């Protein structure tokens, strides 16, 4: 007989930053963005998590946008709008050099982008 196989790949899911259950992190090079929202394409296991910190160009956490201000994400989304637990506004740093720090635990980060929301 003939066998047919069907594969599907998530949107923008060809490559990811991935970490095991032990966890891992990475920091972007300084970048300048426009917009007022950060969207991510990510996936975690049932026990995994993803956290994000916005830093200045020198690597210091920005007030209200640090890891301590970020709730651990659990789940799967191709366009999740990131929110910190503070009154700080991402838009206040548009046009200025910033770094993003991603902390992953049994998770994949496929893409991130800034947008007008």
PDB file of N, CA and C in Angstrom:
ATOM      1  N   UNK A   1       0.796  -1.163   0.000  1.00  0.00           N
ATOM      2  CA  UNK A   1       0.000   0.000   0.000  1.00  0.00           C
ATOM      3  C   UNK A   1       0.861   1.258   0.000  1.00  0.00           C
ATOM      4  N   UNK A   2       0.182   2.340  -0.190  1.00  0.00           N
ATOM      5  CA  UNK A   2       0.815   3.655  -0.213  1.00  0.00           C
ATOM      6  C   UNK A   2       0.595   4.319   1.139  1.00  0.00           C
ATOM      7  N   UNK A   3       1.652   4.901   1.675  1.00  0.00           N
ATOM      8  CA  UNK A   3       1.548   5.621   2.934  1.00  0.00           C
ATOM      9  C   UNK A   3       1.707   7.104   2.674  1.00  0.00           C
ATOM     10  N   UNK A   4       0.828   7.874   3.244  1.00  0.00           N
ATOM     11  CA  UNK A   4       0.920   9.319   3.134  1.00  0.00           C
ATOM     12  C   UNK A   4       1.236   9.887   4.504  1.00  0.00           C
ATOM     13  N   UNK A   5       2.213  10.749   4.557  1.00  0.00           N
ATOM     14  CA  UNK A   5       2.561  11.419   5.800  1.00  0.00           C
ATOM     15  C   UNK A   5       2.285  12.901   5.661  1.00  0.00           C
ATOM     16  N   UNK A   6       1.724  13.477   6.697  1.00  0.00           N
ATOM     17  CA  UNK A   6       1.458  14.918   6.702  1.00  0.00           C
ATOM     18  C   UNK A   6       2.200  15.519   7.891  1.00  0.00           C
ATOM     19  N   UNK A   7       2.983  16.540   7.611  1.00  0.00           N
ATOM     20  CA  UNK A   7       3.700  17.238   8.669  1.00  0.00           C
ATOM     21  C   UNK A   7       3.227  18.681   8.695  1.00  0.00           C
ATOM     22  N   UNK A   8       3.117  19.221   9.875  1.00  0.00           N
ATOM     23  CA  UNK A   8       2.803  20.641   9.952  1.00  0.00           C
ATOM     24  C   UNK A   8       3.843  21.322  10.820  1.00  0.00           C
ATOM     25  N   UNK A   9       4.178  22.522  10.431  1.00  0.00           N
ATOM     26  CA  UNK A   9       5.160  23.317  11.167  1.00  0.00           C
ATOM     27  C   UNK A   9       4.460  24.582  11.611  1.00  0.00           C
ATOM     28  N   UNK A  10       4.634  24.926  12.884  1.00  0.00           N
ATOM     29  CA  UNK A  10       3.983  26.124  13.400  1.00  0.00           C
ATOM     30  C   UNK A  10       4.484  27.354  12.662  1.00  0.00           C
ATOM     31  N   UNK A  11       3.670  28.379  12.629  1.00  0.00           N
ATOM     32  CA  UNK A  11       4.039  29.624  11.967  1.00  0.00           C
ATOM     33  C   UNK A  11       5.356  30.140  12.549  1.00  0.00           C
ATOM     34  N   UNK A  12       6.293  30.487  11.687  1.00  0.00           N
ATOM     35  CA  UNK A  12       7.620  30.952  12.086  1.00  0.00           C
ATOM     36  C   UNK A  12       8.301  29.959  13.022  1.00  0.00           C
ATOM     37  N   UNK A  13       8.066  28.667  12.830  1.00  0.00           N
ATOM     38  CA  UNK A  13       8.578  27.667  13.751  1.00  0.00           C
ATOM     39  C   UNK A  13       9.721  26.829  13.236  1.00  0.00           C
ATOM     40  N   UNK A  14      10.511  27.348  12.323  1.00  0.00           N
ATOM     41  CA  UNK A  14      11.617  26.565  11.775  1.00  0.00           C
ATOM     42  C   UNK A  14      12.781  26.464  12.751  1.00  0.00           C
ATOM     43  N   UNK A  15      13.037  27.523  13.498  1.00  0.00           N
ATOM     44  CA  UNK A  15      14.178  27.578  14.411  1.00  0.00           C
ATOM     45  C   UNK A  15      13.706  28.186  15.724  1.00  0.00           C
ATOM     46  N   UNK A  16      14.283  27.715  16.840  1.00  0.00           N
ATOM     47  CA  UNK A  16      13.917  28.311  18.122  1.00  0.00           C
ATOM     48  C   UNK A  16      15.124  28.375  19.034  1.00  0.00           C
ATOM     49  N   UNK A  17      15.054  29.289  19.999  1.00  0.00           N
ATOM     50  CA  UNK A  17      15.941  29.246  21.148  1.00  0.00           C
ATOM     51  C   UNK A  17      15.250  28.280  22.091  1.00  0.00           C
ATOM     52  N   UNK A  18      15.931  27.248  22.508  1.00  0.00           N
ATOM     53  CA  UNK A  18      15.308  26.172  23.260  1.00  0.00           C
ATOM     54  C   UNK A  18      16.120  25.870  24.509  1.00  0.00           C
ATOM     55  N   UNK A  19      15.433  25.497  25.579  1.00  0.00           N
ATOM     56  CA  UNK A  19      16.159  25.109  26.788  1.00  0.00           C
ATOM     57  C   UNK A  19      15.538  23.854  27.379  1.00  0.00           C
ATOM     58  N   UNK A  20      16.360  23.069  28.088  1.00  0.00           N
ATOM     59  CA  UNK A  20      15.843  21.891  28.781  1.00  0.00           C
ATOM     60  C   UNK A  20      15.188  22.300  30.099  1.00  0.00           C
ATOM     61  N   UNK A  21      14.719  21.336  30.865  1.00  0.00           N
ATOM     62  CA  UNK A  21      14.082  21.605  32.152  1.00  0.00           C
ATOM     63  C   UNK A  21      15.046  22.314  33.108  1.00  0.00           C
ATOM     64  N   UNK A  22      16.339  22.091  32.975  1.00  0.00           N
ATOM     65  CA  UNK A  22      17.324  22.752  33.838  1.00  0.00           C
ATOM     66  C   UNK A  22      17.343  24.263  33.622  1.00  0.00           C
ATOM     67  N   UNK A  23      16.873  24.699  32.455  1.00  0.00           N
ATOM     68  CA  UNK A  23      16.757  26.126  32.173  1.00  0.00           C
ATOM     69  C   UNK A  23      17.942  26.696  31.438  1.00  0.00           C
ATOM     70  N   UNK A  24      17.772  27.916  30.971  1.00  0.00           N
ATOM     71  CA  UNK A  24      18.810  28.641  30.260  1.00  0.00           C
ATOM     72  C   UNK A  24      18.325  30.041  29.949  1.00  0.00           C
ATOM     73  N   UNK A  25      19.238  30.883  29.513  1.00  0.00           N
ATOM     74  CA  UNK A  25      18.851  32.256  29.181  1.00  0.00           C
ATOM     75  C   UNK A  25      19.766  32.809  28.105  1.00  0.00           C
ATOM     76  N   UNK A  26      19.319  33.876  27.467  1.00  0.00           N
ATOM     77  CA  UNK A  26      20.154  34.608  26.533  1.00  0.00           C
ATOM     78  C   UNK A  26      19.711  36.058  26.507  1.00  0.00           C
ATOM     79  N   UNK A  27      20.633  36.920  26.074  1.00  0.00           N
ATOM     80  CA  UNK A  27      20.383  38.354  25.985  1.00  0.00           C
ATOM     81  C   UNK A  27      20.657  38.795  24.554  1.00  0.00           C
ATOM     82  N   UNK A  28      19.783  39.624  24.010  1.00  0.00           N
ATOM     83  CA  UNK A  28      19.989  40.134  22.653  1.00  0.00           C
ATOM     84  C   UNK A  28      21.084  41.192  22.657  1.00  0.00           C
ATOM     85  N   UNK A  29      21.605  41.485  21.497  1.00  0.00           N
ATOM     86  CA  UNK A  29      22.469  42.644  21.350  1.00  0.00           C
ATOM     87  C   UNK A  29      21.590  43.887  21.495  1.00  0.00           C
ATOM     88  N   UNK A  30      22.171  45.054  21.760  1.00  0.00           N
ATOM     89  CA  UNK A  30      21.331  46.254  21.844  1.00  0.00           C
ATOM     90  C   UNK A  30      20.570  46.473  20.537  1.00  0.00           C
ATOM     91  N   UNK A  31      19.293  46.794  20.660  1.00  0.00           N
ATOM     92  CA  UNK A  31      18.470  47.047  19.488  1.00  0.00           C
ATOM     93  C   UNK A  31      17.566  48.239  19.767  1.00  0.00           C
ATOM     94  N   UNK A  32      17.119  48.885  18.713  1.00  0.00           N
ATOM     95  CA  UNK A  32      16.212  50.027  18.812  1.00  0.00           C
ATOM     96  C   UNK A  32      14.901  49.595  18.154  1.00  0.00           C
ATOM     97  N   UNK A  33      13.786  49.819  18.843  1.00  0.00           N
ATOM     98  CA  UNK A  33      12.495  49.388  18.318  1.00  0.00           C
ATOM     99  C   UNK A  33      11.534  50.560  18.206  1.00  0.00           C
ATOM    100  N   UNK A  34      10.478  50.343  17.436  1.00  0.00           N
ATOM    101  CA  UNK A  34       9.356  51.270  17.383  1.00  0.00           C
ATOM    102  C   UNK A  34       8.129  50.486  17.823  1.00  0.00           C
ATOM    103  N   UNK A  35       7.139  51.186  18.323  1.00  0.00           N
ATOM    104  CA  UNK A  35       5.908  50.533  18.744  1.00  0.00           C
ATOM    105  C   UNK A  35       5.716  50.610  20.243  1.00  0.00           C
ATOM    106  N   UNK A  36       4.643  49.962  20.706  1.00  0.00           N
ATOM    107  CA  UNK A  36       4.328  49.986  22.129  1.00  0.00           C
ATOM    108  C   UNK A  36       4.002  48.599  22.679  1.00  0.00           C
ATOM    109  N   UNK A  37       4.253  47.565  21.881  1.00  0.00           N
ATOM    110  CA  UNK A  37       3.958  46.199  22.327  1.00  0.00           C
ATOM    111  C   UNK A  37       5.036  45.246  21.840  1.00  0.00           C
ATOM    112  N   UNK A  38       5.286  44.219  22.636  1.00  0.00           N
ATOM    113  CA  UNK A  38       6.202  43.135  22.288  1.00  0.00           C
ATOM    114  C   UNK A  38       5.374  41.874  22.140  1.00  0.00           C
ATOM    115  N   UNK A  39       5.479  41.234  20.976  1.00  0.00           N
ATOM    116  CA  UNK A  39       4.764  39.981  20.723  1.00  0.00           C
ATOM    117  C   UNK A  39       5.774  38.856  20.579  1.00  0.00           C
ATOM    118  N   UNK A  40       5.437  37.693  21.134  1.00  0.00           N
ATOM    119  CA  UNK A  40       6.336  36.549  21.039  1.00  0.00           C
ATOM    120  C   UNK A  40       5.599  35.328  20.505  1.00  0.00           C
ATOM    121  N   UNK A  41       6.348  34.463  19.848  1.00  0.00           N
ATOM    122  CA  UNK A  41       5.910  33.159  19.384  1.00  0.00           C
ATOM    123  C   UNK A  41       6.675  32.174  20.263  1.00  0.00           C
ATOM    124  N   UNK A  42       5.966  31.470  21.158  1.00  0.00           N
ATOM    125  CA  UNK A  42       6.645  30.614  22.125  1.00  0.00           C
ATOM    126  C   UNK A  42       5.827  29.371  22.442  1.00  0.00           C
ATOM    127  N   UNK A  43       6.501  28.420  23.096  1.00  0.00           N
ATOM    128  CA  UNK A  43       5.844  27.206  23.546  1.00  0.00           C
ATOM    129  C   UNK A  43       6.607  26.677  24.755  1.00  0.00           C
ATOM    130  N   UNK A  44       5.872  26.293  25.799  1.00  0.00           N
ATOM    131  CA  UNK A  44       6.496  25.659  26.958  1.00  0.00           C
ATOM    132  C   UNK A  44       5.858  24.298  27.183  1.00  0.00           C
ATOM    133  N   UNK A  45       6.549  23.451  27.931  1.00  0.00           N
ATOM    134  CA  UNK A  45       5.937  22.201  28.362  1.00  0.00           C
ATOM    135  C   UNK A  45       4.985  22.528  29.510  1.00  0.00           C
ATOM    136  N   UNK A  46       4.285  21.518  30.011  1.00  0.00           N
ATOM    137  CA  UNK A  46       3.359  21.732  31.123  1.00  0.00           C
ATOM    138  C   UNK A  46       4.086  22.210  32.384  1.00  0.00           C
ATOM    139  N   UNK A  47       5.353  21.864  32.516  1.00  0.00           N
ATOM    140  CA  UNK A  47       6.144  22.276  33.679  1.00  0.00           C
ATOM    141  C   UNK A  47       7.139  23.383  33.345  1.00  0.00           C
ATOM    142  N   UNK A  48       7.152  23.843  32.107  1.00  0.00           N
ATOM    143  CA  UNK A  48       8.131  24.839  31.669  1.00  0.00           C
ATOM    144  C   UNK A  48       7.670  26.258  31.933  1.00  0.00           C
ATOM    145  N   UNK A  49       8.518  27.203  31.544  1.00  0.00           N
ATOM    146  CA  UNK A  49       8.169  28.616  31.698  1.00  0.00           C
ATOM    147  C   UNK A  49       9.056  29.473  30.813  1.00  0.00           C
ATOM    148  N   UNK A  50       8.609  30.694  30.619  1.00  0.00           N
ATOM    149  CA  UNK A  50       9.376  31.685  29.878  1.00  0.00           C
ATOM    150  C   UNK A  50       9.200  33.019  30.593  1.00  0.00           C
ATOM    151  N   UNK A  51      10.301  33.741  30.792  1.00  0.00           N
ATOM    152  CA  UNK A  51      10.260  35.061  31.421  1.00  0.00           C
ATOM    153  C   UNK A  51      11.098  36.016  30.587  1.00  0.00           C
ATOM    154  N   UNK A  52      10.756  37.306  30.647  1.00  0.00           N
ATOM    155  CA  UNK A  52      11.423  38.314  29.816  1.00  0.00           C
ATOM    156  C   UNK A  52      11.749  39.537  30.651  1.00  0.00           C
ATOM    157  N   UNK A  53      12.915  40.099  30.366  1.00  0.00           N
ATOM    158  CA  UNK A  53      13.352  41.334  31.024  1.00  0.00           C
ATOM    159  C   UNK A  53      13.812  42.314  29.957  1.00  0.00           C
ATOM    160  N   UNK A  54      13.462  43.582  30.121  1.00  0.00           N
ATOM    161  CA  UNK A  54      13.961  44.640  29.245  1.00  0.00           C
ATOM    162  C   UNK A  54      15.101  45.327  29.986  1.00  0.00           C
ATOM    163  N   UNK A  55      16.229  45.474  29.299  1.00  0.00           N
ATOM    164  CA  UNK A  55      17.420  46.072  29.892  1.00  0.00           C
ATOM    165  C   UNK A  55      17.851  47.290  29.094  1.00  0.00           C
ATOM    166  N   UNK A  56      18.633  48.156  29.732  1.00  0.00           N
ATOM    167  CA  UNK A  56      19.229  49.251  28.977  1.00  0.00           C
ATOM    168  C   UNK A  56      20.378  48.687  28.148  1.00  0.00           C
ATOM    169  N   UNK A  57      21.015  49.524  27.350  1.00  0.00           N
ATOM    170  CA  UNK A  57      22.062  49.055  26.438  1.00  0.00           C
ATOM    171  C   UNK A  57      23.246  48.446  27.176  1.00  0.00           C
ATOM    172  N   UNK A  58      23.442  48.812  28.453  1.00  0.00           N
ATOM    173  CA  UNK A  58      24.550  48.284  29.243  1.00  0.00           C
ATOM    174  C   UNK A  58      24.196  46.999  29.983  1.00  0.00           C
ATOM    175  N   UNK A  59      22.943  46.560  29.915  1.00  0.00           N
ATOM    176  CA  UNK A  59      22.534  45.308  30.539  1.00  0.00           C
ATOM    177  C   UNK A  59      21.899  45.444  31.908  1.00  0.00           C
ATOM    178  N   UNK A  60      21.562  46.650  32.338  1.00  0.00           N
ATOM    179  CA  UNK A  60      20.877  46.835  33.616  1.00  0.00           C
ATOM    180  C   UNK A  60      19.373  46.750  33.396  1.00  0.00           C
ATOM    181  N   UNK A  61      18.657  46.011  34.275  1.00  0.00           N
ATOM    182  CA  UNK A  61      17.199  45.909  34.135  1.00  0.00           C
ATOM    183  C   UNK A  61      16.542  47.283  34.226  1.00  0.00           C
ATOM    184  N   UNK A  62      15.528  47.511  33.397  1.00  0.00           N
ATOM    185  CA  UNK A  62      14.789  48.770  33.430  1.00  0.00           C
ATOM    186  C   UNK A  62      13.693  48.692  34.494  1.00  0.00           C
ATOM    187  N   UNK A  63      13.463  49.783  35.218  1.00  0.00           N
ATOM    188  CA  UNK A  63      12.465  49.784  36.292  1.00  0.00           C
ATOM    189  C   UNK A  63      11.084  49.354  35.801  1.00  0.00           C
ATOM    190  N   UNK A  64      10.518  48.368  36.493  1.00  0.00           N
ATOM    191  CA  UNK A  64       9.187  47.880  36.150  1.00  0.00           C
ATOM    192  C   UNK A  64       9.161  46.867  35.022  1.00  0.00           C
ATOM    193  N   UNK A  65      10.302  46.644  34.368  1.00  0.00           N
ATOM    194  CA  UNK A  65      10.360  45.715  33.238  1.00  0.00           C
ATOM    195  C   UNK A  65      11.414  44.623  33.462  1.00  0.00           C
ATOM    196  N   UNK A  66      11.698  44.344  34.740  1.00  0.00           N
ATOM    197  CA  UNK A  66      12.708  43.348  35.103  1.00  0.00           C
ATOM    198  C   UNK A  66      12.078  41.961  35.198  1.00  0.00           C
ATOM    199  N   UNK A  67      12.913  40.951  35.428  1.00  0.00           N
ATOM    200  CA  UNK A  67      12.404  39.587  35.618  1.00  0.00           C
ATOM    201  C   UNK A  67      11.475  39.517  36.821  1.00  0.00           C
ATOM    202  N   UNK A  68      11.782  40.290  37.871  1.00  0.00           N
ATOM    203  CA  UNK A  68      10.935  40.289  39.070  1.00  0.00           C
ATOM    204  C   UNK A  68       9.532  40.821  38.780  1.00  0.00           C
ATOM    205  N   UNK A  69       9.401  41.620  37.732  1.00  0.00           N
ATOM    206  CA  UNK A  69       8.110  42.209  37.365  1.00  0.00           C
ATOM    207  C   UNK A  69       7.359  41.371  36.335  1.00  0.00           C
ATOM    208  N   UNK A  70       7.957  40.274  35.903  1.00  0.00           N
ATOM    209  CA  UNK A  70       7.374  39.492  34.814  1.00  0.00           C
ATOM    210  C   UNK A  70       6.786  38.186  35.331  1.00  0.00           C
ATOM    211  N   UNK A  71       5.511  37.922  35.048  1.00  0.00           N
ATOM    212  CA  UNK A  71       4.922  36.640  35.456  1.00  0.00           C
ATOM    213  C   UNK A  71       5.431  35.525  34.546  1.00  0.00           C
ATOM    214  N   UNK A  72       5.708  34.366  35.101  1.00  0.00           N
ATOM    215  CA  UNK A  72       6.162  33.235  34.290  1.00  0.00           C
ATOM    216  C   UNK A  72       5.068  32.836  33.315  1.00  0.00           C
ATOM    217  N   UNK A  73       5.441  32.726  32.057  1.00  0.00           N
ATOM    218  CA  UNK A  73       4.488  32.296  31.031  1.00  0.00           C
ATOM    219  C   UNK A  73       4.517  30.788  30.902  1.00  0.00           C
ATOM    220  N   UNK A  74       3.359  30.221  30.719  1.00  0.00           N
ATOM    221  CA  UNK A  74       3.190  28.798  30.496  1.00  0.00           C
ATOM    222  C   UNK A  74       2.209  28.665  29.344  1.00  0.00           C
ATOM    223  N   UNK A  75       2.541  27.878  28.346  1.00  0.00           N
ATOM    224  CA  UNK A  75       1.583  27.681  27.270  1.00  0.00           C
ATOM    225  C   UNK A  75       2.197  27.695  25.897  1.00  0.00           C
ATOM    226  N   UNK A  76       1.396  28.181  24.936  1.00  0.00           N
ATOM    227  CA  UNK A  76       1.758  28.086  23.533  1.00  0.00           C
ATOM    228  C   UNK A  76       0.998  29.176  22.774  1.00  0.00           C
ATOM    229  N   UNK A  77       1.712  30.048  22.101  1.00  0.00           N
ATOM    230  CA  UNK A  77       1.063  31.096  21.314  1.00  0.00           C
ATOM    231  C   UNK A  77       1.997  31.514  20.185  1.00  0.00           C
ATOM    232  N   UNK A  78       1.419  31.871  19.046  1.00  0.00           N
ATOM    233  CA  UNK A  78       2.235  32.386  17.945  1.00  0.00           C
ATOM    234  C   UNK A  78       2.271  33.913  17.953  1.00  0.00           C
ATOM    235  N   UNK A  79       1.450  34.556  18.782  1.00  0.00           N
ATOM    236  CA  UNK A  79       1.437  36.033  18.837  1.00  0.00           C
ATOM    237  C   UNK A  79       0.938  36.509  20.201  1.00  0.00           C
ATOM    238  N   UNK A  80       1.694  36.169  21.255  1.00  0.00           N
ATOM    239  CA  UNK A  80       1.322  36.562  22.606  1.00  0.00           C
ATOM    240  C   UNK A  80       1.831  37.977  22.883  1.00  0.00           C
ATOM    241  N   UNK A  81       0.970  38.863  23.377  1.00  0.00           N
ATOM    242  CA  UNK A  81       1.371  40.216  23.746  1.00  0.00           C
ATOM    243  C   UNK A  81       1.905  40.191  25.171  1.00  0.00           C
ATOM    244  N   UNK A  82       3.167  40.544  25.314  1.00  0.00           N
ATOM    245  CA  UNK A  82       3.882  40.490  26.587  1.00  0.00           C
ATOM    246  C   UNK A  82       3.422  41.612  27.509  1.00  0.00           C
ATOM    247  N   UNK A  83       3.229  41.278  28.790  1.00  0.00           N
ATOM    248  CA  UNK A  83       2.869  42.261  29.812  1.00  0.00           C
ATOM    249  C   UNK A  83       3.683  42.020  31.068  1.00  0.00           C
ATOM    250  N   UNK A  84       4.138  43.098  31.668  1.00  0.00           N
ATOM    251  CA  UNK A  84       4.820  43.027  32.954  1.00  0.00           C
ATOM    252  C   UNK A  84       3.824  43.418  34.039  1.00  0.00           C
ATOM    253  N   UNK A  85       4.082  42.993  35.279  1.00  0.00           N
ATOM    254  CA  UNK A  85       3.227  43.326  36.421  1.00  0.00           C
ATOM    255  C   UNK A  85       3.661  44.659  37.021  1.00  0.00           C
ATOM    256  N   UNK A  86       3.542  45.719  36.247  1.00  0.00           N
ATOM    257  CA  UNK A  86       3.934  47.038  36.729  1.00  0.00           C
ATOM    258  C   UNK A  86       3.229  48.090  35.886  1.00  0.00           C
ATOM    259  N   UNK A  87       3.407  49.314  36.269  1.00  0.00           N
ATOM    260  CA  UNK A  87       2.842  50.436  35.513  1.00  0.00           C
ATOM    261  C   UNK A  87       3.794  50.914  34.419  1.00  0.00           C
ATOM    262  N   UNK A  88       4.998  50.340  34.352  1.00  0.00           N
ATOM    263  CA  UNK A  88       5.987  50.754  33.355  1.00  0.00           C
ATOM    264  C   UNK A  88       5.434  50.526  31.950  1.00  0.00           C
ATOM    265  N   UNK A  89       5.785  51.412  31.047  1.00  0.00           N
ATOM    266  CA  UNK A  89       5.304  51.324  29.666  1.00  0.00           C
ATOM    267  C   UNK A  89       6.468  51.048  28.721  1.00  0.00           C
ATOM    268  N   UNK A  90       6.327  49.999  27.945  1.00  0.00           N
ATOM    269  CA  UNK A  90       7.331  49.633  26.951  1.00  0.00           C
ATOM    270  C   UNK A  90       7.580  50.791  25.991  1.00  0.00           C
ATOM    271  N   UNK A  91       6.525  51.501  25.617  1.00  0.00           N
ATOM    272  CA  UNK A  91       6.626  52.598  24.640  1.00  0.00           C
ATOM    273  C   UNK A  91       7.577  53.697  25.100  1.00  0.00           C
ATOM    274  N   UNK A  92       7.789  53.832  26.417  1.00  0.00           N
ATOM    275  CA  UNK A  92       8.711  54.852  26.926  1.00  0.00           C
ATOM    276  C   UNK A  92      10.143  54.616  26.464  1.00  0.00           C
ATOM    277  N   UNK A  93      10.457  53.402  26.026  1.00  0.00           N
ATOM    278  CA  UNK A  93      11.818  53.064  25.609  1.00  0.00           C
ATOM    279  C   UNK A  93      11.957  52.917  24.095  1.00  0.00           C
ATOM    280  N   UNK A  94      10.875  53.179  23.363  1.00  0.00           N
ATOM    281  CA  UNK A  94      10.933  53.134  21.895  1.00  0.00           C
ATOM    282  C   UNK A  94      11.928  54.176  21.412  1.00  0.00           C
ATOM    283  N   UNK A  95      12.735  53.805  20.433  1.00  0.00           N
ATOM    284  CA  UNK A  95      13.720  54.719  19.873  1.00  0.00           C
ATOM    285  C   UNK A  95      15.022  54.778  20.654  1.00  0.00           C
ATOM    286  N   UNK A  96      15.111  54.039  21.764  1.00  0.00           N
ATOM    287  CA  UNK A  96      16.325  54.001  22.585  1.00  0.00           C
ATOM    288  C   UNK A  96      16.920  52.600  22.523  1.00  0.00           C
ATOM    289  N   UNK A  97      18.239  52.472  22.609  1.00  0.00           N
ATOM    290  CA  UNK A  97      18.827  51.127  22.575  1.00  0.00           C
ATOM    291  C   UNK A  97      18.489  50.341  23.844  1.00  0.00           C
ATOM    292  N   UNK A  98      17.971  49.132  23.662  1.00  0.00           N
ATOM    293  CA  UNK A  98      17.620  48.234  24.761  1.00  0.00           C
ATOM    294  C   UNK A  98      18.088  46.819  24.427  1.00  0.00           C
ATOM    295  N   UNK A  99      18.127  45.993  25.441  1.00  0.00           N
ATOM    296  CA  UNK A  99      18.390  44.563  25.284  1.00  0.00           C
ATOM    297  C   UNK A  99      17.200  43.806  25.853  1.00  0.00           C
ATOM    298  N   UNK A 100      16.941  42.643  25.310  1.00  0.00           N
ATOM    299  CA  UNK A 100      15.922  41.737  25.846  1.00  0.00           C
ATOM    300  C   UNK A 100      16.632  40.531  26.440  1.00  0.00           C
ATOM    301  N   UNK A 101      16.266  40.189  27.653  1.00  0.00           N
ATOM    302  CA  UNK A 101      16.786  38.969  28.285  1.00  0.00           C
ATOM    303  C   UNK A 101      15.644  37.979  28.374  1.00  0.00           C
ATOM    304  N   UNK A 102      15.854  36.798  27.820  1.00  0.00           N
ATOM    305  CA  UNK A 102      14.864  35.726  27.845  1.00  0.00           C
ATOM    306  C   UNK A 102      15.377  34.616  28.752  1.00  0.00           C
ATOM    307  N   UNK A 103      14.553  34.176  29.682  1.00  0.00           N
ATOM    308  CA  UNK A 103      14.884  33.077  30.590  1.00  0.00           C
ATOM    309  C   UNK A 103      13.880  31.961  30.324  1.00  0.00           C
ATOM    310  N   UNK A 104      14.390  30.816  29.875  1.00  0.00           N
ATOM    311  CA  UNK A 104      13.539  29.705  29.473  1.00  0.00           C
ATOM    312  C   UNK A 104      13.789  28.480  30.334  1.00  0.00           C
ATOM    313  N   UNK A 105      12.727  27.742  30.590  1.00  0.00           N
ATOM    314  CA  UNK A 105      12.807  26.463  31.306  1.00  0.00           C
ATOM    315  C   UNK A 105      11.897  25.492  30.571  1.00  0.00           C
ATOM    316  N   UNK A 106      12.486  24.506  29.915  1.00  0.00           N
ATOM    317  CA  UNK A 106      11.764  23.546  29.082  1.00  0.00           C
ATOM    318  C   UNK A 106      10.802  24.290  28.152  1.00  0.00           C
ATOM    319  N   UNK A 107      11.381  25.196  27.385  1.00  0.00           N
ATOM    320  CA  UNK A 107      10.579  26.083  26.534  1.00  0.00           C
ATOM    321  C   UNK A 107      11.309  26.381  25.234  1.00  0.00           C
ATOM    322  N   UNK A 108      10.550  26.864  24.262  1.00  0.00           N
ATOM    323  CA  UNK A 108      11.076  27.299  22.973  1.00  0.00           C
ATOM    324  C   UNK A 108      10.583  28.705  22.693  1.00  0.00           C
ATOM    325  N   UNK A 109      11.475  29.564  22.245  1.00  0.00           N
ATOM    326  CA  UNK A 109      11.121  30.890  21.759  1.00  0.00           C
ATOM    327  C   UNK A 109      11.422  30.896  20.271  1.00  0.00           C
ATOM    328  N   UNK A 110      10.379  31.014  19.450  1.00  0.00           N
ATOM    329  CA  UNK A 110      10.539  30.953  18.007  1.00  0.00           C
ATOM    330  C   UNK A 110      10.785  32.324  17.394  1.00  0.00           C
ATOM    331  N   UNK A 111      10.134  33.346  17.917  1.00  0.00           N
ATOM    332  CA  UNK A 111      10.264  34.683  17.327  1.00  0.00           C
ATOM    333  C   UNK A 111       9.757  35.727  18.315  1.00  0.00           C
ATOM    334  N   UNK A 112      10.252  36.956  18.132  1.00  0.00           N
ATOM    335  CA  UNK A 112       9.692  38.096  18.850  1.00  0.00           C
ATOM    336  C   UNK A 112       9.688  39.283  17.915  1.00  0.00           C
ATOM    337  N   UNK A 113       8.740  40.212  18.153  1.00  0.00           N
ATOM    338  CA  UNK A 113       8.667  41.409  17.330  1.00  0.00           C
ATOM    339  C   UNK A 113       7.969  42.503  18.120  1.00  0.00           C
ATOM    340  N   UNK A 114       8.309  43.715  17.780  1.00  0.00           N
ATOM    341  CA  UNK A 114       7.660  44.880  18.372  1.00  0.00           C
ATOM    342  C   UNK A 114       6.578  45.356  17.401  1.00  0.00           C
ATOM    343  N   UNK A 115       5.506  45.927  17.966  1.00  0.00           N
ATOM    344  CA  UNK A 115       4.361  46.295  17.148  1.00  0.00           C
ATOM    345  C   UNK A 115       3.613  47.454  17.789  1.00  0.00           C
ATOM    346  N   UNK A 116       2.770  48.085  16.989  1.00  0.00           N
ATOM    347  CA  UNK A 116       1.799  49.059  17.528  1.00  0.00           C
ATOM    348  C   UNK A 116       0.577  48.262  17.932  1.00  0.00           C
ATOM    349  N   UNK A 117       0.142  48.414  19.151  1.00  0.00           N
ATOM    350  CA  UNK A 117      -1.015  47.666  19.623  1.00  0.00           C
ATOM    351  C   UNK A 117      -2.186  48.571  19.881  1.00  0.00           C
TER     352      UNK A 117
END
